[in-house]
Amino acid sequence: MKIQTPTIPFPNYKWRWAVYTPTESLNAPPVFLGILRVLADCENLRFRSDEVNEGLRIVQEETDSTVNLVRSKDRNIFRNSGQYWKALGVLDKERRGYISLTQFGKKLALREITQVEFACTIVKTLELPNRRIETNTSSWDNANLKIKPLELILDIISALYKCYGQDSSYLTPDELVKIVIPLAGEKSAVITHTEAIIFYRQGTLDISSWPNYAESLNDKRMAREFLIFLSNYGLCERVKGVNNLTDKYFLQSISIEEINELKIISVTDLDNTVKQLRSSQITANIERKRIAREVWERPYQEVFRKNVLNAFDSKCIMTGVTLKSVLEAAHIKPVKYSGVDEVSNGLCLRSDIHSLFDANHLRITLSGKIILSEEAHSKINYGSLTNQIIIPSFINQSNLNWRIKYY
């Protein structure tokens, strides 16, 4: 198959995540969600209020953020980067100067929507041009061009797997910039993308005459953020290359079948998309695989389990079950966020309760109050769970505090 040189849909065609000068770490879930919860606590206040700035200072400190979230009293992170939250539909774009969350944003801040549900909803609904942040979309409209970038990326990686096998089933930021974005600009089929990528890897595709839509470093960083989002929420796994542009992004907790199911879901708005996802098994399957993978990847899990079960007298703190074969050790602060394999960071939970806890369908406050997600509470098996437990004195309270705020 001969790959034709893509045509330019319109001048200044680019893939923009949120801002023109990206700060990729703002997409990291603990930082993004931590800041969102500050906004929820300060709704109707000004973005530059003392309450907001104090909340941002705490988030920066407790997440070890490398970004200065409070630069000065009147110039915090929202001055230049508030579009990170507007772009994903959690912050109302209409009320300038004052904090106003959308219904979707409020539910996410209150943990009524899990991280996986959030990620899949964004995959389904994020569209270029992003009318939540773009003030002038006439060029896109005149070209009759609409792109669902995250869905397209997952489709391409899925097609690479089906056509060329596991070893070829990845996408790099370099390929996204040089191949995918130009072809997406002229509405090329997924198979065209995959063949062009393979030819490019083989050195048989001459792209010297292709349009370059990412001339600056910021353009490349903007494009790379789409892949970073998929990696941050476990839908893709990033395998490091020699630099950021050659990192390989493989499918991780989402299967080809689930990608196909996701495409079938019709989109009306963010909240309705969440409802449709819950009526399917897509997010439940992804959450189960993500949790299983994270447990499997923990090198000291067996030692951690033994120590935690001993500390809890081999009894589930939620249900009182003492059957060792169904008891597991749950990390309070996840390992991937520097949680330690120590008893002070562990809970003894029945296996299904552990899954609820890791998927954020079940939360435990500092006082031991149990909070279930809407979905978990609606299930007869879990709606009758105890709503209060006693937190043992050996548990590190700062880990519980971190989880409540940032996970």
Protein backbone atom coordinates (compact mmCIF):
# COMPACT_ATOMS: atom_id res chain seq x y z
CA MET A 1 0.00 0.00 0.00
CA LYS A 2 1.39 3.39 -0.99
CA ILE A 3 1.01 6.08 1.67
CA GLN A 4 0.17 9.44 0.12
CA THR A 5 1.64 12.65 1.52
CA PRO A 6 -0.98 14.17 3.84
CA THR A 7 -2.53 17.49 2.90
CA ILE A 8 -2.69 20.42 5.31
CA PRO A 9 -6.28 20.76 6.65
CA PHE A 10 -5.71 24.41 7.64
CA PRO A 11 -2.85 26.62 8.86
CA ASN A 12 -1.84 26.16 12.52
CA TYR A 13 -3.43 22.71 12.75
CA LYS A 14 -2.10 21.16 15.98
CA TRP A 15 -3.07 18.70 18.69
CA ARG A 16 -3.43 20.75 21.85
CA TRP A 17 -3.97 19.09 25.24
CA ALA A 18 -4.63 22.11 27.44
CA VAL A 19 -2.09 24.92 27.27
CA TYR A 20 0.51 25.96 24.71
CA THR A 21 3.33 25.70 27.26
CA PRO A 22 2.58 22.37 28.97
CA THR A 23 3.39 21.31 32.50
CA GLU A 24 3.11 17.54 32.15
CA SER A 25 3.21 16.78 35.88
CA LEU A 26 -0.14 18.56 36.32
CA ASN A 27 -1.65 15.51 34.60
CA ALA A 28 -0.32 13.16 37.31
CA PRO A 29 -3.42 11.84 39.14
CA PRO A 30 -2.36 12.80 42.72
CA VAL A 31 -1.64 16.38 41.63
CA PHE A 32 -4.61 16.75 39.25
CA LEU A 33 -7.09 15.18 41.69
CA GLY A 34 -5.56 16.85 44.74
CA ILE A 35 -5.97 20.28 43.15
CA LEU A 36 -9.50 19.40 42.02
CA ARG A 37 -10.42 18.62 45.63
CA VAL A 38 -9.01 21.96 46.72
CA LEU A 39 -11.31 23.58 44.15
CA ALA A 40 -14.27 21.59 45.47
CA ASP A 41 -13.54 22.76 49.02
CA CYS A 42 -13.27 26.37 47.84
CA GLU A 43 -16.15 26.51 45.38
CA ASN A 44 -17.53 30.01 44.71
CA LEU A 45 -14.35 31.64 46.01
CA ARG A 46 -11.86 33.43 43.76
CA PHE A 47 -9.01 31.36 42.34
CA ARG A 48 -6.52 33.68 44.03
CA SER A 49 -8.13 33.52 47.48
CA ASP A 50 -6.05 32.71 50.56
CA GLU A 51 -7.99 29.48 51.08
CA VAL A 52 -7.12 28.25 47.58
CA ASN A 53 -3.46 29.20 47.94
CA GLU A 54 -3.17 27.40 51.26
CA GLY A 55 -4.80 24.30 49.77
CA LEU A 56 -2.39 24.39 46.82
CA ARG A 57 0.58 24.76 49.16
CA ILE A 58 -0.48 21.61 51.01
CA VAL A 59 -0.98 19.67 47.76
CA GLN A 60 2.47 20.70 46.56
CA GLU A 61 4.05 19.57 49.82
CA GLU A 62 2.16 16.29 50.22
CA THR A 63 2.48 15.14 46.60
CA ASP A 64 6.13 16.22 46.30
CA SER A 65 5.09 18.20 43.22
CA THR A 66 8.00 19.64 41.26
CA VAL A 67 5.71 22.43 40.08
CA ASN A 68 5.37 25.60 42.13
CA LEU A 69 1.60 25.71 42.60
CA VAL A 70 1.60 28.98 44.57
CA ARG A 71 3.94 31.40 42.86
CA SER A 72 2.60 34.49 44.62
CA LYS A 73 -0.60 35.57 46.34
CA ASP A 74 -2.18 36.74 43.10
CA ARG A 75 -0.48 34.37 40.69
CA ASN A 76 -1.06 30.72 41.54
CA ILE A 77 -1.16 27.77 39.12
CA PHE A 78 -4.60 28.73 37.76
CA ARG A 79 -3.31 31.98 36.30
CA ASN A 80 -1.63 30.13 33.41
CA SER A 81 -2.65 26.49 33.76
CA GLY A 82 -6.30 26.46 34.84
CA GLN A 83 -7.14 25.04 31.43
CA TYR A 84 -5.89 21.63 32.56
CA TRP A 85 -9.10 21.33 34.58
CA LYS A 86 -11.32 23.10 32.03
CA ALA A 87 -10.08 20.94 29.16
CA LEU A 88 -11.28 17.75 30.86
CA GLY A 89 -14.70 19.09 31.76
CA VAL A 90 -14.34 19.29 35.54
CA LEU A 91 -14.14 23.07 35.81
CA ASP A 92 -16.87 25.31 34.42
CA LYS A 93 -15.42 27.59 31.77
CA GLU A 94 -18.21 30.15 31.96
CA ARG A 95 -17.71 31.71 35.39
CA ARG A 96 -14.50 33.72 35.06
CA GLY A 97 -12.49 34.48 38.19
CA TYR A 98 -14.61 32.34 40.51
CA ILE A 99 -14.43 28.60 41.16
CA SER A 100 -17.34 26.63 39.76
CA LEU A 101 -17.09 22.88 39.19
CA THR A 102 -19.26 20.98 36.74
CA GLN A 103 -21.43 18.14 38.03
CA PHE A 104 -18.86 15.74 36.59
CA GLY A 105 -16.09 17.59 38.41
CA LYS A 106 -17.97 17.54 41.72
CA LYS A 107 -18.57 13.79 41.50
CA LEU A 108 -14.92 13.17 40.68
CA ALA A 109 -13.81 15.37 43.59
CA LEU A 110 -16.15 13.48 45.94
CA ARG A 111 -14.81 10.10 44.64
CA GLU A 112 -18.24 9.17 43.29
CA ILE A 113 -16.38 8.53 40.02
CA THR A 114 -13.32 6.28 40.13
CA GLN A 115 -10.07 7.04 38.35
CA VAL A 116 -10.71 4.34 35.74
CA GLU A 117 -14.25 5.63 35.10
CA PHE A 118 -12.81 9.12 34.75
CA ALA A 119 -10.10 7.98 32.31
CA CYS A 120 -12.50 6.00 30.11
CA THR A 121 -14.97 8.89 30.07
CA ILE A 122 -12.23 11.25 28.88
CA VAL A 123 -11.15 8.75 26.20
CA LYS A 124 -14.73 8.72 24.91
CA THR A 125 -15.50 12.43 25.15
CA LEU A 126 -12.27 14.34 24.55
CA GLU A 127 -12.48 15.84 21.08
CA LEU A 128 -10.38 18.18 18.98
CA PRO A 129 -11.09 21.00 18.70
CA ASN A 130 -11.66 21.11 22.44
CA ARG A 131 -14.51 23.59 22.74
CA ARG A 132 -14.08 23.72 26.51
CA ILE A 133 -10.88 25.73 26.04
CA GLU A 134 -10.80 26.84 22.39
CA THR A 135 -12.32 30.24 21.71
CA ASN A 136 -12.07 30.06 17.92
CA THR A 137 -12.78 26.74 16.19
CA SER A 138 -13.74 28.12 12.78
CA SER A 139 -10.72 26.56 11.02
CA TRP A 140 -11.66 23.12 12.32
CA ASP A 141 -15.32 23.67 11.49
CA ASN A 142 -14.59 24.89 7.96
CA ALA A 143 -12.47 21.79 7.37
CA ASN A 144 -15.27 19.65 8.86
CA LEU A 145 -12.60 18.09 11.06
CA LYS A 146 -13.23 16.45 14.44
CA ILE A 147 -10.76 14.08 16.09
CA LYS A 148 -11.06 11.93 19.19
CA PRO A 149 -7.32 11.73 19.90
CA LEU A 150 -7.26 9.29 22.82
CA GLU A 151 -9.66 6.90 21.15
CA LEU A 152 -7.64 7.09 17.93
CA ILE A 153 -4.38 6.33 19.76
CA LEU A 154 -5.88 3.25 21.43
CA ASP A 155 -7.33 2.14 18.07
CA ILE A 156 -3.94 2.45 16.38
CA ILE A 157 -2.07 0.50 19.07
CA SER A 158 -4.80 -2.14 19.00
CA ALA A 159 -4.56 -2.42 15.20
CA LEU A 160 -0.77 -2.69 15.39
CA TYR A 161 -1.21 -5.64 17.75
CA LYS A 162 -3.76 -7.38 15.55
CA CYS A 163 -1.80 -6.88 12.32
CA TYR A 164 1.83 -7.08 13.43
CA GLY A 165 1.92 -8.75 16.85
CA GLN A 166 2.81 -7.84 20.42
CA ASP A 167 6.34 -6.56 19.74
CA SER A 168 5.03 -3.95 17.29
CA SER A 169 1.98 -2.90 19.31
CA TYR A 170 3.17 0.44 20.64
CA LEU A 171 3.25 4.10 19.72
CA THR A 172 5.99 6.62 20.43
CA PRO A 173 5.57 10.40 20.78
CA ASP A 174 7.83 10.75 17.72
CA GLU A 175 5.45 8.59 15.66
CA LEU A 176 2.45 10.45 17.04
CA VAL A 177 3.93 13.77 15.93
CA LYS A 178 5.35 12.73 12.55
CA ILE A 179 2.81 10.13 11.38
CA VAL A 180 -0.47 10.09 13.32
CA ILE A 181 -1.18 13.82 13.63
CA PRO A 182 -0.59 14.53 9.91
CA LEU A 183 -2.73 11.54 8.81
CA ALA A 184 -5.48 12.39 11.33
CA GLY A 185 -5.63 15.86 9.77
CA GLU A 186 -6.98 14.34 6.59
CA LYS A 187 -9.20 11.74 8.31
CA SER A 188 -7.12 8.73 7.26
CA ALA A 189 -8.32 5.26 8.22
CA VAL A 190 -6.69 3.46 11.16
CA ILE A 191 -5.13 0.90 8.81
CA THR A 192 -3.39 3.74 6.97
CA HIS A 193 -1.91 4.95 10.24
CA THR A 194 -0.65 1.50 11.18
CA GLU A 195 0.94 0.77 7.82
CA ALA A 196 2.59 4.19 7.75
CA ILE A 197 4.01 3.60 11.24
CA ILE A 198 5.42 0.20 10.26
CA PHE A 199 6.95 1.59 7.05
CA TYR A 200 8.43 4.46 9.06
CA ARG A 201 10.02 2.02 11.51
CA GLN A 202 11.40 0.00 8.62
CA GLY A 203 12.88 3.12 7.03
CA THR A 204 10.83 2.69 3.85
CA LEU A 205 8.51 5.69 4.29
CA ASP A 206 9.83 9.02 3.07
CA ILE A 207 8.21 11.75 5.18
CA SER A 208 10.56 14.53 4.14
CA SER A 209 7.74 16.28 2.27
CA TRP A 210 5.11 15.67 4.95
CA PRO A 211 3.75 18.69 6.83
CA ASN A 212 5.26 19.24 10.27
CA TYR A 213 2.65 20.24 12.82
CA ALA A 214 5.01 20.12 15.79
CA GLU A 215 7.87 22.41 14.86
CA SER A 216 8.57 23.67 18.38
CA LEU A 217 9.45 21.75 21.53
CA ASN A 218 6.17 22.91 23.08
CA ASP A 219 4.22 21.45 20.14
CA LYS A 220 5.86 18.08 20.78
CA ARG A 221 5.17 18.32 24.49
CA MET A 222 1.51 19.17 23.83
CA ALA A 223 1.18 16.08 21.64
CA ARG A 224 2.99 13.85 24.11
CA GLU A 225 0.49 14.70 26.86
CA PHE A 226 -2.16 12.53 25.18
CA LEU A 227 0.08 9.50 25.66
CA ILE A 228 1.03 10.60 29.19
CA PHE A 229 -2.66 10.71 30.16
CA LEU A 230 -3.20 7.12 28.98
CA SER A 231 -0.12 6.04 30.91
CA ASN A 232 -1.05 7.94 34.09
CA TYR A 233 -4.37 6.10 34.36
CA GLY A 234 -3.06 2.64 33.51
CA LEU A 235 -4.52 2.27 30.02
CA CYS A 236 -1.02 2.29 28.53
CA GLU A 237 2.36 1.25 29.84
CA ARG A 238 5.33 3.51 29.10
CA VAL A 239 8.59 1.75 28.29
CA LYS A 240 11.40 4.28 28.38
CA GLY A 241 13.45 4.94 25.27
CA VAL A 242 16.61 6.99 24.82
CA ASN A 243 14.53 10.16 25.26
CA ASN A 244 10.92 11.26 25.79
CA LEU A 245 10.12 11.13 22.08
CA THR A 246 11.21 7.50 21.71
CA ASP A 247 9.37 6.15 24.77
CA LYS A 248 7.09 3.26 23.74
CA TYR A 249 3.47 3.21 24.90
CA PHE A 250 1.87 -0.27 24.92
CA LEU A 251 -1.67 -1.21 25.91
CA GLN A 252 -1.76 -2.14 29.57
CA SER A 253 -4.99 -2.72 31.52
CA ILE A 254 -7.33 -2.31 28.56
CA SER A 255 -7.79 -5.08 26.00
CA ILE A 256 -8.60 -4.90 22.30
CA GLU A 257 -12.11 -6.18 23.08
CA GLU A 258 -12.66 -3.41 25.65
CA ILE A 259 -11.39 -0.78 23.21
CA ASN A 260 -13.98 -2.03 20.70
CA GLU A 261 -16.71 -1.98 23.36
CA LEU A 262 -15.70 1.54 24.34
CA LYS A 263 -16.18 2.70 20.73
CA ILE A 264 -19.76 1.43 20.70
CA ILE A 265 -20.82 3.59 23.65
CA SER A 266 -22.67 6.66 22.41
CA VAL A 267 -21.65 10.03 23.81
CA THR A 268 -24.08 12.74 24.87
CA ASP A 269 -22.37 14.31 27.89
CA LEU A 270 -19.82 13.40 30.55
CA ASP A 271 -22.29 12.23 33.21
CA ASN A 272 -24.26 10.06 30.81
CA THR A 273 -21.05 8.49 29.53
CA VAL A 274 -20.18 7.46 33.10
CA LYS A 275 -23.62 5.82 33.43
CA GLN A 276 -23.15 3.91 30.18
CA LEU A 277 -19.71 2.73 31.25
CA ARG A 278 -21.14 1.44 34.53
CA SER A 279 -23.86 -0.50 32.72
CA SER A 280 -21.12 -2.28 30.77
CA GLN A 281 -18.27 -4.34 32.21
CA ILE A 282 -15.53 -2.20 30.66
CA THR A 283 -14.34 -0.24 33.69
CA ALA A 284 -14.83 -3.18 36.07
CA ASN A 285 -12.64 -5.37 33.87
CA ILE A 286 -9.97 -2.67 33.53
CA GLU A 287 -9.92 -2.04 37.29
CA ARG A 288 -9.59 -5.77 38.02
CA LYS A 289 -6.65 -6.17 35.62
CA ARG A 290 -4.96 -3.00 36.87
CA ILE A 291 -5.15 -4.17 40.47
CA ALA A 292 -3.93 -7.69 39.63
CA ARG A 293 -1.00 -6.27 37.66
CA GLU A 294 0.03 -3.90 40.43
CA VAL A 295 -0.04 -6.71 43.00
CA TRP A 296 1.97 -9.00 40.71
CA GLU A 297 4.58 -6.30 40.16
CA ARG A 298 5.24 -5.81 43.90
CA PRO A 299 8.47 -7.74 44.63
CA TYR A 300 7.94 -8.07 48.39
CA GLN A 301 4.20 -8.71 48.39
CA GLU A 302 4.41 -12.11 50.13
CA VAL A 303 6.56 -10.79 52.96
CA PHE A 304 4.30 -7.75 53.26
CA ARG A 305 1.21 -10.01 53.39
CA LYS A 306 2.71 -12.21 56.10
CA ASN A 307 3.61 -9.22 58.27
CA VAL A 308 0.26 -7.49 57.83
CA LEU A 309 -1.77 -10.63 58.55
CA ASN A 310 0.27 -11.20 61.71
CA ALA A 311 -0.31 -7.60 62.81
CA PHE A 312 -4.10 -7.97 62.29
CA ASP A 313 -4.27 -11.48 63.85
CA SER A 314 -5.30 -12.79 60.43
CA LYS A 315 -8.66 -11.01 60.57
CA CYS A 316 -10.20 -8.74 57.91
CA ILE A 317 -10.58 -5.30 59.47
CA MET A 318 -13.84 -4.77 57.57
CA THR A 319 -15.66 -8.11 57.77
CA GLY A 320 -13.97 -10.02 60.60
CA VAL A 321 -13.31 -12.98 58.27
CA THR A 322 -10.41 -15.14 59.51
CA LEU A 323 -10.03 -17.57 56.59
CA LYS A 324 -6.41 -17.02 55.55
CA SER A 325 -6.93 -18.19 51.98
CA VAL A 326 -9.14 -15.15 51.24
CA LEU A 327 -7.16 -12.58 53.24
CA GLU A 328 -4.82 -10.11 51.53
CA ALA A 329 -2.58 -7.23 52.51
CA ALA A 330 -3.61 -3.89 51.01
CA HIS A 331 -1.25 -0.94 50.73
CA ILE A 332 -2.78 2.27 52.04
CA LYS A 333 -0.42 4.52 50.14
CA PRO A 334 0.22 2.75 46.81
CA VAL A 335 3.73 1.50 46.04
CA LYS A 336 3.82 3.44 42.77
CA TYR A 337 3.50 6.63 44.82
CA SER A 338 6.32 5.66 47.22
CA GLY A 339 4.16 3.69 49.62
CA VAL A 340 6.33 1.35 51.73
CA ASP A 341 5.98 -2.40 52.31
CA GLU A 342 5.55 -1.94 56.05
CA VAL A 343 2.79 -2.85 58.50
CA SER A 344 2.18 0.84 59.15
CA ASN A 345 1.07 1.15 55.51
CA GLY A 346 -1.06 -1.98 55.39
CA LEU A 347 -4.59 -3.25 56.00
CA CYS A 348 -5.75 -6.85 56.25
CA LEU A 349 -8.75 -7.18 53.93
CA ARG A 350 -10.83 -9.94 52.42
CA SER A 351 -9.84 -10.29 48.75
CA ASP A 352 -13.00 -8.72 47.31
CA ILE A 353 -12.86 -5.87 49.84
CA HIS A 354 -9.22 -5.34 48.85
CA SER A 355 -10.34 -4.99 45.22
CA LEU A 356 -12.96 -2.42 46.22
CA PHE A 357 -10.35 -0.52 48.21
CA ASP A 358 -7.77 -0.48 45.41
CA ALA A 359 -10.38 0.55 42.84
CA ASN A 360 -11.49 3.40 45.13
CA HIS A 361 -15.00 2.01 45.50
CA LEU A 362 -14.32 1.87 49.24
CA ARG A 363 -12.56 4.60 51.23
CA ILE A 364 -11.49 4.82 54.85
CA THR A 365 -11.24 8.17 56.60
CA LEU A 366 -8.83 9.09 59.40
CA SER A 367 -11.60 8.45 61.93
CA GLY A 368 -12.30 4.98 60.50
CA LYS A 369 -15.50 5.95 58.70
CA ILE A 370 -16.23 3.78 55.65
CA ILE A 371 -17.43 5.49 52.48
CA LEU A 372 -18.63 3.46 49.50
CA SER A 373 -18.92 4.67 45.94
CA GLU A 374 -22.39 4.96 44.40
CA GLU A 375 -21.86 1.75 42.45
CA ALA A 376 -20.58 -0.30 45.41
CA HIS A 377 -23.33 0.99 47.70
CA SER A 378 -25.98 -0.12 45.21
CA LYS A 379 -24.81 -3.75 45.40
CA ILE A 380 -26.56 -5.84 48.04
CA ASN A 381 -23.28 -7.58 48.94
CA TYR A 382 -21.63 -4.33 50.01
CA GLY A 383 -24.45 -1.99 50.94
CA SER A 384 -24.68 -3.73 54.31
CA LEU A 385 -20.97 -3.43 55.16
CA THR A 386 -20.04 -1.76 58.43
CA ASN A 387 -19.71 2.00 58.16
CA GLN A 388 -17.13 2.37 60.92
CA ILE A 389 -13.93 0.56 61.90
CA ILE A 390 -11.27 1.14 64.54
CA ILE A 391 -7.92 2.10 63.02
CA PRO A 392 -5.08 0.28 64.83
CA SER A 393 -2.54 2.51 66.53
CA PHE A 394 0.33 1.12 64.43
CA ILE A 395 -1.20 2.49 61.20
CA ASN A 396 0.53 5.59 59.87
CA GLN A 397 -2.20 8.24 59.79
CA SER A 398 -0.35 10.31 57.19
CA ASN A 399 -0.73 7.43 54.71
CA LEU A 400 -4.51 7.36 55.25
CA ASN A 401 -4.57 11.13 54.89
CA TRP A 402 -2.58 10.94 51.63
CA ARG A 403 -4.89 8.32 50.16
CA ILE A 404 -8.05 10.23 51.00
CA LYS A 405 -6.71 13.40 49.39
CA TYR A 406 -4.79 12.16 46.36
CA TYR A 407 -6.00 8.74 45.25
